[in-house]
Amino acid sequence: MAEQSELRGTVLLAEDEPAILYTFTTILEEAGFRVESARTFQIAQESIRRNDYDAIITEFSLDKEGMGLELAREAKKRKRVPAVLVYTGYPTVERLRAALDLGVDYFAFKPVDLDEIKTALFRLVAFRAARLPPPS
């Protein structure tokens, strides 16, 4: 894990497949992010309500169809809105439109290119930090 001085931000990773959750968490931690994981929509939703995240990454169909977008909707209601990245194994125009309508910051397709996600995450977290006032 990265030294505290190297910490790039806090990420909530919502993924219901344990192997993907483990791999994704490990790679993001190696890149310098503090990662909290949630294996269900309910756990992720509770985490968003209790904590301030720099970014949220979720599978489009967390637990069931469209719940990743419900999580994005919840995140966008926060006073300090996190960057939201959604990925899916079944990209459709309808899914992309729904994500864009919610203001999702990044939409990726499986198999996820982890370098692409890390690059997007670095950019989005830096942009968020530059435009938001410090937490009170």
Protein backbone atom coordinates (compact mmCIF):
# COMPACT_ATOMS: atom_id res chain seq x y z
CA MET A 1 0.00 0.00 0.00
CA ALA A 2 1.14 3.56 -0.71
CA GLU A 3 2.64 5.75 1.99
CA GLN A 4 0.17 8.25 3.49
CA SER A 5 2.01 11.13 1.79
CA GLU A 6 1.48 9.41 -1.56
CA LEU A 7 -2.25 8.85 -1.05
CA ARG A 8 -4.11 9.89 -4.17
CA GLY A 9 -7.62 9.75 -2.75
CA THR A 10 -10.27 7.52 -1.26
CA VAL A 11 -12.29 5.25 -3.52
CA LEU A 12 -15.39 3.19 -2.86
CA LEU A 13 -15.32 0.11 -5.07
CA ALA A 14 -18.72 -1.58 -5.41
CA GLU A 15 -18.43 -5.02 -7.01
CA ASP A 16 -20.32 -8.22 -6.25
CA GLU A 17 -17.80 -10.68 -7.74
CA PRO A 18 -15.11 -11.41 -5.09
CA ALA A 19 -12.27 -12.15 -7.53
CA ILE A 20 -12.82 -8.91 -9.44
CA LEU A 21 -13.18 -6.98 -6.19
CA TYR A 22 -9.88 -8.37 -4.88
CA THR A 23 -7.95 -7.74 -8.08
CA PHE A 24 -9.34 -4.26 -8.62
CA THR A 25 -8.70 -3.30 -4.97
CA THR A 26 -5.11 -4.53 -5.09
CA ILE A 27 -4.31 -2.63 -8.28
CA LEU A 28 -5.88 0.60 -7.06
CA GLU A 29 -4.07 0.39 -3.71
CA GLU A 30 -0.77 -0.17 -5.53
CA ALA A 31 -1.56 2.99 -7.54
CA GLY A 32 -1.83 4.95 -4.28
CA PHE A 33 -5.57 5.02 -3.58
CA ARG A 34 -7.20 4.09 -0.30
CA VAL A 35 -9.91 1.64 -1.30
CA GLU A 36 -13.01 0.68 0.63
CA SER A 37 -14.99 -2.14 -0.88
CA ALA A 38 -18.67 -3.02 -0.91
CA ARG A 39 -19.98 -6.36 -2.15
CA THR A 40 -23.63 -5.32 -2.26
CA PHE A 41 -25.68 -2.32 -3.25
CA GLN A 42 -26.93 -1.89 0.31
CA ILE A 43 -23.42 -1.84 1.81
CA ALA A 44 -22.25 0.62 -0.87
CA GLN A 45 -25.27 2.86 -0.33
CA GLU A 46 -24.68 2.95 3.44
CA SER A 47 -20.99 3.72 2.88
CA ILE A 48 -21.83 6.64 0.59
CA ARG A 49 -24.22 8.06 3.16
CA ARG A 50 -21.61 7.84 5.95
CA ASN A 51 -18.37 8.77 4.17
CA ASP A 52 -16.87 11.30 1.81
CA TYR A 53 -15.19 9.62 -1.17
CA ASP A 54 -13.10 11.14 -3.91
CA ALA A 55 -14.44 8.56 -6.34
CA ILE A 56 -16.89 5.70 -6.59
CA ILE A 57 -16.39 2.83 -9.00
CA THR A 58 -19.27 0.45 -9.57
CA GLU A 59 -20.44 -2.28 -11.87
CA PHE A 60 -23.59 -1.29 -13.77
CA SER A 61 -25.43 -4.41 -12.60
CA LEU A 62 -24.29 -4.46 -8.96
CA ASP A 63 -26.52 -7.09 -7.34
CA LYS A 64 -29.06 -6.72 -10.17
CA GLU A 65 -29.73 -4.79 -13.38
CA GLY A 66 -29.18 -1.04 -13.07
CA MET A 67 -28.24 -0.90 -9.39
CA GLY A 68 -24.87 0.62 -10.23
CA LEU A 69 -26.74 3.60 -11.67
CA GLU A 70 -28.84 3.80 -8.51
CA LEU A 71 -25.58 4.00 -6.59
CA ALA A 72 -24.37 6.76 -8.93
CA ARG A 73 -27.63 8.63 -8.32
CA GLU A 74 -27.07 8.37 -4.55
CA ALA A 75 -23.49 9.62 -4.91
CA LYS A 76 -24.55 12.61 -7.01
CA LYS A 77 -26.81 13.77 -4.13
CA ARG A 78 -23.84 14.26 -1.79
CA LYS A 79 -22.75 17.73 -0.76
CA ARG A 80 -19.20 16.89 -1.88
CA VAL A 81 -19.95 14.93 -5.03
CA PRO A 82 -17.41 12.19 -5.80
CA ALA A 83 -16.25 11.29 -9.28
CA VAL A 84 -18.34 8.33 -10.46
CA LEU A 85 -17.03 5.59 -12.75
CA VAL A 86 -19.37 2.86 -13.99
CA TYR A 87 -18.38 -0.21 -15.98
CA THR A 88 -20.39 -2.93 -17.68
CA GLY A 89 -19.95 -6.17 -19.55
CA TYR A 90 -23.03 -5.46 -21.66
CA PRO A 91 -22.66 -2.00 -23.20
CA THR A 92 -25.75 -0.65 -24.91
CA VAL A 93 -26.73 2.78 -26.13
CA GLU A 94 -29.50 2.81 -23.52
CA ARG A 95 -27.07 2.10 -20.68
CA LEU A 96 -24.68 4.77 -21.88
CA ARG A 97 -27.49 7.34 -22.19
CA ALA A 98 -28.77 6.51 -18.71
CA ALA A 99 -25.26 6.96 -17.27
CA LEU A 100 -24.77 10.26 -19.09
CA ASP A 101 -28.18 11.51 -17.94
CA LEU A 102 -27.07 10.92 -14.33
CA GLY A 103 -23.81 12.76 -14.84
CA VAL A 104 -21.58 9.68 -14.54
CA ASP A 105 -18.02 10.89 -15.08
CA TYR A 106 -16.64 7.81 -16.83
CA PHE A 107 -18.25 4.77 -18.44
CA ALA A 108 -16.09 1.74 -19.27
CA PHE A 109 -16.66 -1.65 -20.86
CA LYS A 110 -15.53 -5.06 -19.66
CA PRO A 111 -13.03 -6.43 -19.90
CA VAL A 112 -11.90 -3.36 -18.03
CA ASP A 113 -8.54 -1.94 -19.06
CA LEU A 114 -7.09 -1.21 -15.62
CA ASP A 115 -4.53 1.27 -16.94
CA GLU A 116 -7.37 3.18 -18.60
CA ILE A 117 -9.36 3.18 -15.36
CA LYS A 118 -6.36 4.31 -13.30
CA THR A 119 -5.65 7.15 -15.74
CA ALA A 120 -9.28 8.26 -15.68
CA LEU A 121 -9.35 8.01 -11.89
CA PHE A 122 -6.18 10.10 -11.45
CA ARG A 123 -7.62 12.77 -13.76
CA LEU A 124 -11.09 12.81 -12.21
CA VAL A 125 -9.87 12.88 -8.59
CA ALA A 126 -7.44 15.72 -9.38
CA PHE A 127 -10.21 17.66 -11.16
CA ARG A 128 -12.57 17.11 -8.22
CA ALA A 129 -9.94 18.28 -5.72
CA ALA A 130 -9.30 21.44 -7.73
CA ARG A 131 -12.96 22.47 -7.96
CA LEU A 132 -14.28 21.56 -4.49
CA PRO A 133 -13.72 23.57 -1.33
CA PRO A 134 -11.94 21.73 1.47
CA PRO A 135 -14.19 19.60 3.71
CA SER A 136 -15.64 21.45 6.69
